[in-house]
PDB file of N, CA and C in Angstrom:
ATOM      1  N   MET A   1      -5.448   7.357   7.283  1.00  0.00           N
ATOM      2  CA  MET A   1      -5.080   6.037   6.823  1.00  0.00           C
ATOM      3  C   MET A   1      -5.816   5.773   5.527  1.00  0.00           C
ATOM      4  N   GLU A   2      -5.116   5.236   4.571  1.00  0.00           N
ATOM      5  CA  GLU A   2      -5.726   4.906   3.284  1.00  0.00           C
ATOM      6  C   GLU A   2      -5.109   3.619   2.767  1.00  0.00           C
ATOM      7  N   GLU A   3      -5.925   2.821   2.110  1.00  0.00           N
ATOM      8  CA  GLU A   3      -5.445   1.617   1.445  1.00  0.00           C
ATOM      9  C   GLU A   3      -5.720   1.790  -0.043  1.00  0.00           C
ATOM     10  N   THR A   4      -4.749   1.424  -0.844  1.00  0.00           N
ATOM     11  CA  THR A   4      -4.915   1.565  -2.282  1.00  0.00           C
ATOM     12  C   THR A   4      -4.114   0.489  -3.004  1.00  0.00           C
ATOM     13  N   TRP A   5      -4.594   0.105  -4.161  1.00  0.00           N
ATOM     14  CA  TRP A   5      -3.865  -0.860  -4.989  1.00  0.00           C
ATOM     15  C   TRP A   5      -2.837  -0.116  -5.834  1.00  0.00           C
ATOM     16  N   LEU A   6      -1.628  -0.602  -5.818  1.00  0.00           N
ATOM     17  CA  LEU A   6      -0.570  -0.062  -6.669  1.00  0.00           C
ATOM     18  C   LEU A   6      -0.252  -1.099  -7.740  1.00  0.00           C
ATOM     19  N   TYR A   7      -0.352  -0.687  -8.985  1.00  0.00           N
ATOM     20  CA  TYR A   7      -0.069  -1.582 -10.097  1.00  0.00           C
ATOM     21  C   TYR A   7       1.353  -1.334 -10.565  1.00  0.00           C
ATOM     22  N   HIS A   8       2.064  -2.403 -10.859  1.00  0.00           N
ATOM     23  CA  HIS A   8       3.401  -2.210 -11.407  1.00  0.00           C
ATOM     24  C   HIS A   8       3.449  -2.817 -12.802  1.00  0.00           C
ATOM     25  N   TYR A   9       4.133  -2.117 -13.644  1.00  0.00           N
ATOM     26  CA  TYR A   9       4.190  -2.470 -15.053  1.00  0.00           C
ATOM     27  C   TYR A   9       5.598  -2.891 -15.422  1.00  0.00           C
ATOM     28  N   ASP A  10       5.683  -3.626 -16.486  1.00  0.00           N
ATOM     29  CA  ASP A  10       6.966  -4.031 -17.027  1.00  0.00           C
ATOM     30  C   ASP A  10       6.990  -3.567 -18.484  1.00  0.00           C
ATOM     31  N   PRO A  11       7.084  -2.251 -18.682  1.00  0.00           N
ATOM     32  CA  PRO A  11       6.964  -1.733 -20.046  1.00  0.00           C
ATOM     33  C   PRO A  11       8.172  -2.089 -20.904  1.00  0.00           C
ATOM     34  N   GLN A  12       7.903  -2.200 -22.181  1.00  0.00           N
ATOM     35  CA  GLN A  12       8.983  -2.456 -23.126  1.00  0.00           C
ATOM     36  C   GLN A  12       9.225  -1.159 -23.893  1.00  0.00           C
ATOM     37  N   THR A  13      10.440  -0.651 -23.799  1.00  0.00           N
ATOM     38  CA  THR A  13      10.753   0.597 -24.478  1.00  0.00           C
ATOM     39  C   THR A  13      10.986   0.351 -25.963  1.00  0.00           C
ATOM     40  N   LYS A  14      10.956   1.415 -26.716  1.00  0.00           N
ATOM     41  CA  LYS A  14      11.227   1.292 -28.155  1.00  0.00           C
ATOM     42  C   LYS A  14      12.633   0.762 -28.397  1.00  0.00           C
ATOM     43  N   GLN A  15      13.568   1.191 -27.563  1.00  0.00           N
ATOM     44  CA  GLN A  15      14.953   0.753 -27.707  1.00  0.00           C
ATOM     45  C   GLN A  15      15.058  -0.765 -27.543  1.00  0.00           C
ATOM     46  N   LEU A  16      14.337  -1.320 -26.586  1.00  0.00           N
ATOM     47  CA  LEU A  16      14.386  -2.755 -26.347  1.00  0.00           C
ATOM     48  C   LEU A  16      13.714  -3.545 -27.465  1.00  0.00           C
ATOM     49  N   SER A  17      12.696  -2.974 -28.089  1.00  0.00           N
ATOM     50  CA  SER A  17      11.964  -3.712 -29.111  1.00  0.00           C
ATOM     51  C   SER A  17      12.543  -3.529 -30.515  1.00  0.00           C
ATOM     52  N   MET A  18      13.599  -2.749 -30.639  1.00  0.00           N
ATOM     53  CA  MET A  18      14.205  -2.545 -31.959  1.00  0.00           C
ATOM     54  C   MET A  18      14.956  -3.801 -32.394  1.00  0.00           C
ATOM     55  N   GLU A  19      14.959  -4.042 -33.689  1.00  0.00           N
ATOM     56  CA  GLU A  19      15.721  -5.159 -34.242  1.00  0.00           C
ATOM     57  C   GLU A  19      16.187  -4.798 -35.640  1.00  0.00           C
ATOM     58  N   TRP A  20      17.260  -5.440 -36.052  1.00  0.00           N
ATOM     59  CA  TRP A  20      17.788  -5.201 -37.389  1.00  0.00           C
ATOM     60  C   TRP A  20      16.984  -6.007 -38.388  1.00  0.00           C
ATOM     61  N   ARG A  21      16.617  -5.355 -39.492  1.00  0.00           N
ATOM     62  CA  ARG A  21      15.929  -6.051 -40.576  1.00  0.00           C
ATOM     63  C   ARG A  21      16.154  -5.266 -41.853  1.00  0.00           C
ATOM     64  N   GLN A  22      15.946  -5.936 -42.976  1.00  0.00           N
ATOM     65  CA  GLN A  22      16.075  -5.257 -44.250  1.00  0.00           C
ATOM     66  C   GLN A  22      14.844  -4.395 -44.489  1.00  0.00           C
ATOM     67  N   SER A  23      15.028  -3.334 -45.259  1.00  0.00           N
ATOM     68  CA  SER A  23      13.907  -2.414 -45.497  1.00  0.00           C
ATOM     69  C   SER A  23      12.764  -3.075 -46.256  1.00  0.00           C
ATOM     70  N   SER A  24      13.053  -4.120 -47.006  1.00  0.00           N
ATOM     71  CA  SER A  24      11.998  -4.787 -47.780  1.00  0.00           C
ATOM     72  C   SER A  24      11.275  -5.876 -46.978  1.00  0.00           C
ATOM     73  N   SER A  25      11.816  -6.260 -45.837  1.00  0.00           N
ATOM     74  CA  SER A  25      11.175  -7.333 -45.058  1.00  0.00           C
ATOM     75  C   SER A  25       9.980  -6.773 -44.280  1.00  0.00           C
ATOM     76  N   PRO A  26       8.981  -7.632 -44.040  1.00  0.00           N
ATOM     77  CA  PRO A  26       7.776  -7.158 -43.330  1.00  0.00           C
ATOM     78  C   PRO A  26       8.083  -6.855 -41.859  1.00  0.00           C
ATOM     79  N   ARG A  27       7.264  -5.990 -41.304  1.00  0.00           N
ATOM     80  CA  ARG A  27       7.434  -5.659 -39.879  1.00  0.00           C
ATOM     81  C   ARG A  27       7.081  -6.871 -39.029  1.00  0.00           C
ATOM     82  N   PRO A  28       7.764  -7.055 -37.909  1.00  0.00           N
ATOM     83  CA  PRO A  28       7.416  -8.175 -37.023  1.00  0.00           C
ATOM     84  C   PRO A  28       6.075  -7.913 -36.328  1.00  0.00           C
ATOM     85  N   LYS A  29       5.373  -8.997 -36.056  1.00  0.00           N
ATOM     86  CA  LYS A  29       4.093  -8.861 -35.363  1.00  0.00           C
ATOM     87  C   LYS A  29       4.359  -8.589 -33.892  1.00  0.00           C
ATOM     88  N   LYS A  30       3.586  -7.679 -33.348  1.00  0.00           N
ATOM     89  CA  LYS A  30       3.676  -7.386 -31.915  1.00  0.00           C
ATOM     90  C   LYS A  30       2.564  -8.144 -31.214  1.00  0.00           C
ATOM     91  N   PHE A  31       2.922  -8.812 -30.166  1.00  0.00           N
ATOM     92  CA  PHE A  31       1.931  -9.530 -29.389  1.00  0.00           C
ATOM     93  C   PHE A  31       1.342  -8.607 -28.339  1.00  0.00           C
ATOM     94  N   ARG A  32       0.135  -8.899 -27.972  1.00  0.00           N
ATOM     95  CA  ARG A  32      -0.545  -8.088 -26.958  1.00  0.00           C
ATOM     96  C   ARG A  32       0.170  -8.276 -25.610  1.00  0.00           C
ATOM     97  N   VAL A  33       0.445  -7.178 -24.961  1.00  0.00           N
ATOM     98  CA  VAL A  33       1.165  -7.205 -23.703  1.00  0.00           C
ATOM     99  C   VAL A  33       0.164  -7.110 -22.551  1.00  0.00           C
ATOM    100  N   GLN A  34       0.504  -7.742 -21.444  1.00  0.00           N
ATOM    101  CA  GLN A  34      -0.343  -7.622 -20.265  1.00  0.00           C
ATOM    102  C   GLN A  34      -0.452  -6.176 -19.847  1.00  0.00           C
ATOM    103  N   LYS A  35      -1.630  -5.793 -19.368  1.00  0.00           N
ATOM    104  CA  LYS A  35      -1.831  -4.420 -18.926  1.00  0.00           C
ATOM    105  C   LYS A  35      -0.985  -4.114 -17.698  1.00  0.00           C
ATOM    106  N   SER A  36      -0.882  -5.069 -16.789  1.00  0.00           N
ATOM    107  CA  SER A  36      -0.143  -4.849 -15.563  1.00  0.00           C
ATOM    108  C   SER A  36       0.618  -6.121 -15.218  1.00  0.00           C
ATOM    109  N   ALA A  37       1.850  -5.970 -14.773  1.00  0.00           N
ATOM    110  CA  ALA A  37       2.642  -7.130 -14.389  1.00  0.00           C
ATOM    111  C   ALA A  37       2.196  -7.667 -13.040  1.00  0.00           C
ATOM    112  N   GLY A  38       1.587  -6.835 -12.235  1.00  0.00           N
ATOM    113  CA  GLY A  38       1.117  -7.260 -10.920  1.00  0.00           C
ATOM    114  C   GLY A  38       0.580  -6.084 -10.135  1.00  0.00           C
ATOM    115  N   LYS A  39       0.096  -6.387  -8.937  1.00  0.00           N
ATOM    116  CA  LYS A  39      -0.390  -5.309  -8.094  1.00  0.00           C
ATOM    117  C   LYS A  39      -0.124  -5.666  -6.637  1.00  0.00           C
ATOM    118  N   VAL A  40      -0.071  -4.632  -5.824  1.00  0.00           N
ATOM    119  CA  VAL A  40       0.181  -4.809  -4.398  1.00  0.00           C
ATOM    120  C   VAL A  40      -0.707  -3.831  -3.638  1.00  0.00           C
ATOM    121  N   LEU A  41      -1.208  -4.250  -2.476  1.00  0.00           N
ATOM    122  CA  LEU A  41      -2.051  -3.381  -1.661  1.00  0.00           C
ATOM    123  C   LEU A  41      -1.164  -2.608  -0.696  1.00  0.00           C
ATOM    124  N   ALA A  42      -1.244  -1.295  -0.770  1.00  0.00           N
ATOM    125  CA  ALA A  42      -0.449  -0.430   0.099  1.00  0.00           C
ATOM    126  C   ALA A  42      -1.355   0.215   1.132  1.00  0.00           C
ATOM    127  N   SER A  43      -0.904   0.202   2.378  1.00  0.00           N
ATOM    128  CA  SER A  43      -1.589   0.912   3.465  1.00  0.00           C
ATOM    129  C   SER A  43      -0.687   2.062   3.866  1.00  0.00           C
ATOM    130  N   ILE A  44      -1.236   3.280   3.851  1.00  0.00           N
ATOM    131  CA  ILE A  44      -0.447   4.470   4.144  1.00  0.00           C
ATOM    132  C   ILE A  44      -1.082   5.199   5.317  1.00  0.00           C
ATOM    133  N   PHE A  45      -0.271   5.473   6.316  1.00  0.00           N
ATOM    134  CA  PHE A  45      -0.711   6.230   7.484  1.00  0.00           C
ATOM    135  C   PHE A  45       0.035   7.557   7.473  1.00  0.00           C
ATOM    136  N   TRP A  46      -0.680   8.661   7.675  1.00  0.00           N
ATOM    137  CA  TRP A  46      -0.035   9.962   7.675  1.00  0.00           C
ATOM    138  C   TRP A  46      -0.726  10.888   8.660  1.00  0.00           C
ATOM    139  N   ASP A  47      -0.069  11.999   8.921  1.00  0.00           N
ATOM    140  CA  ASP A  47      -0.673  13.064   9.713  1.00  0.00           C
ATOM    141  C   ASP A  47      -0.345  14.385   9.032  1.00  0.00           C
ATOM    142  N   GLN A  48      -0.598  15.498   9.714  1.00  0.00           N
ATOM    143  CA  GLN A  48      -0.401  16.809   9.097  1.00  0.00           C
ATOM    144  C   GLN A  48       1.055  17.092   8.752  1.00  0.00           C
ATOM    145  N   ASP A  49       1.981  16.380   9.374  1.00  0.00           N
ATOM    146  CA  ASP A  49       3.403  16.620   9.123  1.00  0.00           C
ATOM    147  C   ASP A  49       3.998  15.699   8.080  1.00  0.00           C
ATOM    148  N   GLY A  50       3.255  14.707   7.616  1.00  0.00           N
ATOM    149  CA  GLY A  50       3.772  13.829   6.572  1.00  0.00           C
ATOM    150  C   GLY A  50       3.421  12.370   6.795  1.00  0.00           C
ATOM    151  N   VAL A  51       4.040  11.534   5.991  1.00  0.00           N
ATOM    152  CA  VAL A  51       3.780  10.097   6.025  1.00  0.00           C
ATOM    153  C   VAL A  51       4.456   9.483   7.242  1.00  0.00           C
ATOM    154  N   LEU A  52       3.716   8.643   7.938  1.00  0.00           N
ATOM    155  CA  LEU A  52       4.242   7.964   9.115  1.00  0.00           C
ATOM    156  C   LEU A  52       4.639   6.523   8.818  1.00  0.00           C
ATOM    157  N   LEU A  53       3.793   5.813   8.086  1.00  0.00           N
ATOM    158  CA  LEU A  53       4.020   4.390   7.867  1.00  0.00           C
ATOM    159  C   LEU A  53       3.477   3.986   6.509  1.00  0.00           C
ATOM    160  N   ASN A  54       4.293   3.281   5.746  1.00  0.00           N
ATOM    161  CA  ASN A  54       3.873   2.627   4.507  1.00  0.00           C
ATOM    162  C   ASN A  54       3.982   1.136   4.736  1.00  0.00           C
ATOM    163  N   ASP A  55       2.955   0.398   4.362  1.00  0.00           N
ATOM    164  CA  ASP A  55       3.011  -1.048   4.492  1.00  0.00           C
ATOM    165  C   ASP A  55       2.474  -1.663   3.217  1.00  0.00           C
ATOM    166  N   TYR A  56       3.172  -2.683   2.734  1.00  0.00           N
ATOM    167  CA  TYR A  56       2.758  -3.375   1.522  1.00  0.00           C
ATOM    168  C   TYR A  56       2.365  -4.797   1.892  1.00  0.00           C
ATOM    169  N   LEU A  57       1.147  -5.153   1.596  1.00  0.00           N
ATOM    170  CA  LEU A  57       0.612  -6.454   1.961  1.00  0.00           C
ATOM    171  C   LEU A  57       1.364  -7.555   1.218  1.00  0.00           C
ATOM    172  N   PRO A  58       1.839  -8.569   1.938  1.00  0.00           N
ATOM    173  CA  PRO A  58       2.526  -9.679   1.267  1.00  0.00           C
ATOM    174  C   PRO A  58       1.598 -10.389   0.272  1.00  0.00           C
ATOM    175  N   LYS A  59       2.196 -10.964  -0.747  1.00  0.00           N
ATOM    176  CA  LYS A  59       1.434 -11.649  -1.788  1.00  0.00           C
ATOM    177  C   LYS A  59       0.643 -12.804  -1.179  1.00  0.00           C
ATOM    178  N   ASP A  60      -0.530 -13.038  -1.713  1.00  0.00           N
ATOM    179  CA  ASP A  60      -1.431 -14.111  -1.284  1.00  0.00           C
ATOM    180  C   ASP A  60      -1.878 -13.972   0.167  1.00  0.00           C
ATOM    181  N   GLN A  61      -1.959 -12.757   0.665  1.00  0.00           N
ATOM    182  CA  GLN A  61      -2.455 -12.515   2.014  1.00  0.00           C
ATOM    183  C   GLN A  61      -3.537 -11.444   1.937  1.00  0.00           C
ATOM    184  N   THR A  62      -4.492 -11.507   2.842  1.00  0.00           N
ATOM    185  CA  THR A  62      -5.553 -10.509   2.871  1.00  0.00           C
ATOM    186  C   THR A  62      -5.479  -9.732   4.181  1.00  0.00           C
ATOM    187  N   ILE A  63      -6.045  -8.547   4.161  1.00  0.00           N
ATOM    188  CA  ILE A  63      -6.082  -7.757   5.387  1.00  0.00           C
ATOM    189  C   ILE A  63      -7.231  -8.269   6.241  1.00  0.00           C
ATOM    190  N   ASN A  64      -6.892  -8.769   7.399  1.00  0.00           N
ATOM    191  CA  ASN A  64      -7.903  -9.191   8.366  1.00  0.00           C
ATOM    192  C   ASN A  64      -7.668  -8.408   9.654  1.00  0.00           C
ATOM    193  N   ALA A  65      -8.484  -8.672  10.666  1.00  0.00           N
ATOM    194  CA  ALA A  65      -8.383  -7.910  11.909  1.00  0.00           C
ATOM    195  C   ALA A  65      -7.023  -8.082  12.572  1.00  0.00           C
ATOM    196  N   GLU A  66      -6.478  -9.279  12.535  1.00  0.00           N
ATOM    197  CA  GLU A  66      -5.178  -9.539  13.165  1.00  0.00           C
ATOM    198  C   GLU A  66      -4.057  -8.750  12.471  1.00  0.00           C
ATOM    199  N   TYR A  67      -4.042  -8.791  11.137  1.00  0.00           N
ATOM    200  CA  TYR A  67      -3.020  -8.073  10.379  1.00  0.00           C
ATOM    201  C   TYR A  67      -3.155  -6.566  10.590  1.00  0.00           C
ATOM    202  N   TYR A  68      -4.388  -6.076  10.545  1.00  0.00           N
ATOM    203  CA  TYR A  68      -4.635  -4.650  10.702  1.00  0.00           C
ATOM    204  C   TYR A  68      -4.253  -4.180  12.111  1.00  0.00           C
ATOM    205  N   SER A  69      -4.547  -5.009  13.114  1.00  0.00           N
ATOM    206  CA  SER A  69      -4.176  -4.670  14.485  1.00  0.00           C
ATOM    207  C   SER A  69      -2.662  -4.574  14.637  1.00  0.00           C
ATOM    208  N   SER A  70      -1.934  -5.459  13.945  1.00  0.00           N
ATOM    209  CA  SER A  70      -0.460  -5.384  14.013  1.00  0.00           C
ATOM    210  C   SER A  70       0.043  -4.087  13.374  1.00  0.00           C
ATOM    211  N   LEU A  71      -0.641  -3.616  12.339  1.00  0.00           N
ATOM    212  CA  LEU A  71      -0.278  -2.325  11.736  1.00  0.00           C
ATOM    213  C   LEU A  71      -0.516  -1.182  12.723  1.00  0.00           C
ATOM    214  N   LEU A  72      -1.601  -1.276  13.467  1.00  0.00           N
ATOM    215  CA  LEU A  72      -1.919  -0.230  14.449  1.00  0.00           C
ATOM    216  C   LEU A  72      -0.861  -0.167  15.552  1.00  0.00           C
ATOM    217  N   VAL A  73      -0.355  -1.322  15.968  1.00  0.00           N
ATOM    218  CA  VAL A  73       0.710  -1.356  16.978  1.00  0.00           C
ATOM    219  C   VAL A  73       1.980  -0.723  16.413  1.00  0.00           C
ATOM    220  N   GLN A  74       2.306  -1.047  15.149  1.00  0.00           N
ATOM    221  CA  GLN A  74       3.471  -0.427  14.498  1.00  0.00           C
ATOM    222  C   GLN A  74       3.301   1.087  14.448  1.00  0.00           C
ATOM    223  N   LEU A  75       2.091   1.529  14.111  1.00  0.00           N
ATOM    224  CA  LEU A  75       1.815   2.953  14.026  1.00  0.00           C
ATOM    225  C   LEU A  75       2.010   3.630  15.379  1.00  0.00           C
ATOM    226  N   LYS A  76       1.538   3.003  16.427  1.00  0.00           N
ATOM    227  CA  LYS A  76       1.691   3.572  17.772  1.00  0.00           C
ATOM    228  C   LYS A  76       3.178   3.752  18.110  1.00  0.00           C
ATOM    229  N   ASN A  77       3.994   2.744  17.780  1.00  0.00           N
ATOM    230  CA  ASN A  77       5.440   2.834  18.041  1.00  0.00           C
ATOM    231  C   ASN A  77       6.093   3.932  17.211  1.00  0.00           C
ATOM    232  N   ILE A  78       5.671   4.069  15.974  1.00  0.00           N
ATOM    233  CA  ILE A  78       6.234   5.109  15.098  1.00  0.00           C
ATOM    234  C   ILE A  78       5.828   6.490  15.594  1.00  0.00           C
ATOM    235  N   LEU A  79       4.588   6.616  16.068  1.00  0.00           N
ATOM    236  CA  LEU A  79       4.146   7.900  16.623  1.00  0.00           C
ATOM    237  C   LEU A  79       5.009   8.301  17.813  1.00  0.00           C
ATOM    238  N   LYS A  80       5.358   7.343  18.649  1.00  0.00           N
ATOM    239  CA  LYS A  80       6.211   7.632  19.805  1.00  0.00           C
ATOM    240  C   LYS A  80       7.579   8.135  19.360  1.00  0.00           C
ATOM    241  N   GLU A  81       8.109   7.544  18.279  1.00  0.00           N
ATOM    242  CA  GLU A  81       9.437   7.932  17.775  1.00  0.00           C
ATOM    243  C   GLU A  81       9.408   9.267  17.032  1.00  0.00           C
ATOM    244  N   LYS A  82       8.534   9.358  16.043  1.00  0.00           N
ATOM    245  CA  LYS A  82       8.557  10.501  15.122  1.00  0.00           C
ATOM    246  C   LYS A  82       7.852  11.742  15.653  1.00  0.00           C
ATOM    247  N   ARG A  83       6.859  11.576  16.498  1.00  0.00           N
ATOM    248  CA  ARG A  83       6.072  12.718  16.969  1.00  0.00           C
ATOM    249  C   ARG A  83       6.186  12.856  18.484  1.00  0.00           C
ATOM    250  N   ARG A  84       7.392  12.686  18.964  1.00  0.00           N
ATOM    251  CA  ARG A  84       7.655  12.756  20.401  1.00  0.00           C
ATOM    252  C   ARG A  84       7.180  14.092  20.968  1.00  0.00           C
ATOM    253  N   GLY A  85       6.319  14.045  21.969  1.00  0.00           N
ATOM    254  CA  GLY A  85       5.829  15.263  22.611  1.00  0.00           C
ATOM    255  C   GLY A  85       4.632  15.902  21.939  1.00  0.00           C
ATOM    256  N   LYS A  86       4.301  15.496  20.723  1.00  0.00           N
ATOM    257  CA  LYS A  86       3.167  16.106  20.014  1.00  0.00           C
ATOM    258  C   LYS A  86       1.839  15.432  20.343  1.00  0.00           C
ATOM    259  N   VAL A  87       1.886  14.128  20.628  1.00  0.00           N
ATOM    260  CA  VAL A  87       0.665  13.394  20.921  1.00  0.00           C
ATOM    261  C   VAL A  87       0.436  13.452  22.424  1.00  0.00           C
ATOM    262  N   VAL A  88      -0.419  14.380  22.855  1.00  0.00           N
ATOM    263  CA  VAL A  88      -0.660  14.583  24.278  1.00  0.00           C
ATOM    264  C   VAL A  88      -2.040  14.061  24.676  1.00  0.00           C
ATOM    265  N   LYS A  89      -3.060  14.443  23.904  1.00  0.00           N
ATOM    266  CA  LYS A  89      -4.441  14.106  24.259  1.00  0.00           C
ATOM    267  C   LYS A  89      -4.937  12.824  23.586  1.00  0.00           C
ATOM    268  N   GLY A  90      -4.148  12.208  22.780  1.00  0.00           N
ATOM    269  CA  GLY A  90      -4.582  11.015  22.057  1.00  0.00           C
ATOM    270  C   GLY A  90      -4.559  11.271  20.564  1.00  0.00           C
ATOM    271  N   VAL A  91      -5.047  10.313  19.825  1.00  0.00           N
ATOM    272  CA  VAL A  91      -5.007  10.384  18.365  1.00  0.00           C
ATOM    273  C   VAL A  91      -6.426  10.281  17.831  1.00  0.00           C
ATOM    274  N   LEU A  92      -6.801  11.228  16.994  1.00  0.00           N
ATOM    275  CA  LEU A  92      -8.073  11.152  16.279  1.00  0.00           C
ATOM    276  C   LEU A  92      -7.794  10.347  15.018  1.00  0.00           C
ATOM    277  N   PHE A  93      -8.403   9.193  14.941  1.00  0.00           N
ATOM    278  CA  PHE A  93      -8.056   8.236  13.886  1.00  0.00           C
ATOM    279  C   PHE A  93      -9.192   8.140  12.887  1.00  0.00           C
ATOM    280  N   LEU A  94      -8.903   8.337  11.619  1.00  0.00           N
ATOM    281  CA  LEU A  94      -9.894   8.253  10.552  1.00  0.00           C
ATOM    282  C   LEU A  94      -9.492   7.139   9.599  1.00  0.00           C
ATOM    283  N   HIS A  95     -10.367   6.172   9.425  1.00  0.00           N
ATOM    284  CA  HIS A  95     -10.128   5.105   8.460  1.00  0.00           C
ATOM    285  C   HIS A  95     -11.453   4.704   7.827  1.00  0.00           C
ATOM    286  N   GLY A  96     -11.374   3.895   6.790  1.00  0.00           N
ATOM    287  CA  GLY A  96     -12.555   3.517   6.025  1.00  0.00           C
ATOM    288  C   GLY A  96     -13.428   2.508   6.751  1.00  0.00           C
ATOM    289  N   ASN A  97     -14.420   1.996   6.045  1.00  0.00           N
ATOM    290  CA  ASN A  97     -15.354   1.051   6.654  1.00  0.00           C
ATOM    291  C   ASN A  97     -15.134  -0.369   6.142  1.00  0.00           C
ATOM    292  N   ALA A  98     -13.896  -0.710   5.850  1.00  0.00           N
ATOM    293  CA  ALA A  98     -13.578  -2.071   5.422  1.00  0.00           C
ATOM    294  C   ALA A  98     -13.871  -3.033   6.570  1.00  0.00           C
ATOM    295  N   PRO A  99     -14.202  -4.282   6.257  1.00  0.00           N
ATOM    296  CA  PRO A  99     -14.535  -5.239   7.316  1.00  0.00           C
ATOM    297  C   PRO A  99     -13.458  -5.361   8.397  1.00  0.00           C
ATOM    298  N   ALA A 100     -12.194  -5.339   8.018  1.00  0.00           N
ATOM    299  CA  ALA A 100     -11.116  -5.450   9.007  1.00  0.00           C
ATOM    300  C   ALA A 100     -11.083  -4.247   9.940  1.00  0.00           C
ATOM    301  N   HIS A 101     -11.619  -3.117   9.512  1.00  0.00           N
ATOM    302  CA  HIS A 101     -11.634  -1.908  10.334  1.00  0.00           C
ATOM    303  C   HIS A 101     -12.801  -1.912  11.320  1.00  0.00           C
ATOM    304  N   ARG A 102     -13.879  -2.617  10.979  1.00  0.00           N
ATOM    305  CA  ARG A 102     -15.095  -2.573  11.784  1.00  0.00           C
ATOM    306  C   ARG A 102     -15.229  -3.716  12.782  1.00  0.00           C
ATOM    307  N   VAL A 103     -14.396  -4.715  12.686  1.00  0.00           N
ATOM    308  CA  VAL A 103     -14.482  -5.893  13.552  1.00  0.00           C
ATOM    309  C   VAL A 103     -14.269  -5.476  15.011  1.00  0.00           C
ATOM    310  N   LEU A 104     -14.925  -6.164  15.914  1.00  0.00           N
ATOM    311  CA  LEU A 104     -14.843  -5.841  17.334  1.00  0.00           C
ATOM    312  C   LEU A 104     -13.401  -5.905  17.846  1.00  0.00           C
ATOM    313  N   ALA A 105     -12.629  -6.890  17.375  1.00  0.00           N
ATOM    314  CA  ALA A 105     -11.233  -7.011  17.807  1.00  0.00           C
ATOM    315  C   ALA A 105     -10.433  -5.767  17.429  1.00  0.00           C
ATOM    316  N   THR A 106     -10.679  -5.220  16.245  1.00  0.00           N
ATOM    317  CA  THR A 106      -9.988  -4.006  15.814  1.00  0.00           C
ATOM    318  C   THR A 106     -10.438  -2.815  16.648  1.00  0.00           C
ATOM    319  N   GLN A 107     -11.712  -2.724  16.920  1.00  0.00           N
ATOM    320  CA  GLN A 107     -12.227  -1.618  17.734  1.00  0.00           C
ATOM    321  C   GLN A 107     -11.624  -1.646  19.144  1.00  0.00           C
ATOM    322  N   LYS A 108     -11.477  -2.851  19.693  1.00  0.00           N
ATOM    323  CA  LYS A 108     -10.856  -2.990  21.008  1.00  0.00           C
ATOM    324  C   LYS A 108      -9.394  -2.567  20.968  1.00  0.00           C
ATOM    325  N   LYS A 109      -8.696  -2.942  19.890  1.00  0.00           N
ATOM    326  CA  LYS A 109      -7.276  -2.580  19.748  1.00  0.00           C
ATOM    327  C   LYS A 109      -7.125  -1.064  19.635  1.00  0.00           C
ATOM    328  N   LEU A 110      -8.020  -0.424  18.880  1.00  0.00           N
ATOM    329  CA  LEU A 110      -7.987   1.039  18.754  1.00  0.00           C
ATOM    330  C   LEU A 110      -8.168   1.697  20.120  1.00  0.00           C
ATOM    331  N   ALA A 111      -9.111   1.195  20.896  1.00  0.00           N
ATOM    332  CA  ALA A 111      -9.364   1.759  22.232  1.00  0.00           C
ATOM    333  C   ALA A 111      -8.160   1.516  23.145  1.00  0.00           C
ATOM    334  N   TYR A 112      -7.587   0.323  23.080  1.00  0.00           N
ATOM    335  CA  TYR A 112      -6.434  -0.020  23.914  1.00  0.00           C
ATOM    336  C   TYR A 112      -5.230   0.884  23.614  1.00  0.00           C
ATOM    337  N   LEU A 113      -5.034   1.192  22.311  1.00  0.00           N
ATOM    338  CA  LEU A 113      -3.899   2.021  21.899  1.00  0.00           C
ATOM    339  C   LEU A 113      -4.157   3.509  22.130  1.00  0.00           C
ATOM    340  N   GLY A 114      -5.374   3.878  22.439  1.00  0.00           N
ATOM    341  CA  GLY A 114      -5.691   5.275  22.680  1.00  0.00           C
ATOM    342  C   GLY A 114      -6.022   6.060  21.426  1.00  0.00           C
ATOM    343  N   PHE A 115      -6.419   5.367  20.388  1.00  0.00           N
ATOM    344  CA  PHE A 115      -6.809   6.036  19.131  1.00  0.00           C
ATOM    345  C   PHE A 115      -8.289   6.305  19.169  1.00  0.00           C
TER     346      PHE A 115
END
């Protein structure tokens, strides 16, 4: 499991910025463009066979224990669908030390789900 920020850009191509002007007229001034149009937090769950779940955090929301626990439930359901018969002894789960990962409620959810 990994969480990462994905930045999205709104680049302006040369074709879009072209304009008709006379050869003797001065070049138009270019204004400074924002570095990034926005960003989104992506949570990616995978195993040795590939990606299992991609989740993009809704705008103006933070990852807390409740949100993270709901992701874990989704992951458990996806494991049942995509890895039918492969998960026999349980799941060895590796994630970071973010506060939402270390909270007691999350630890209980991990134990309940068999991770």
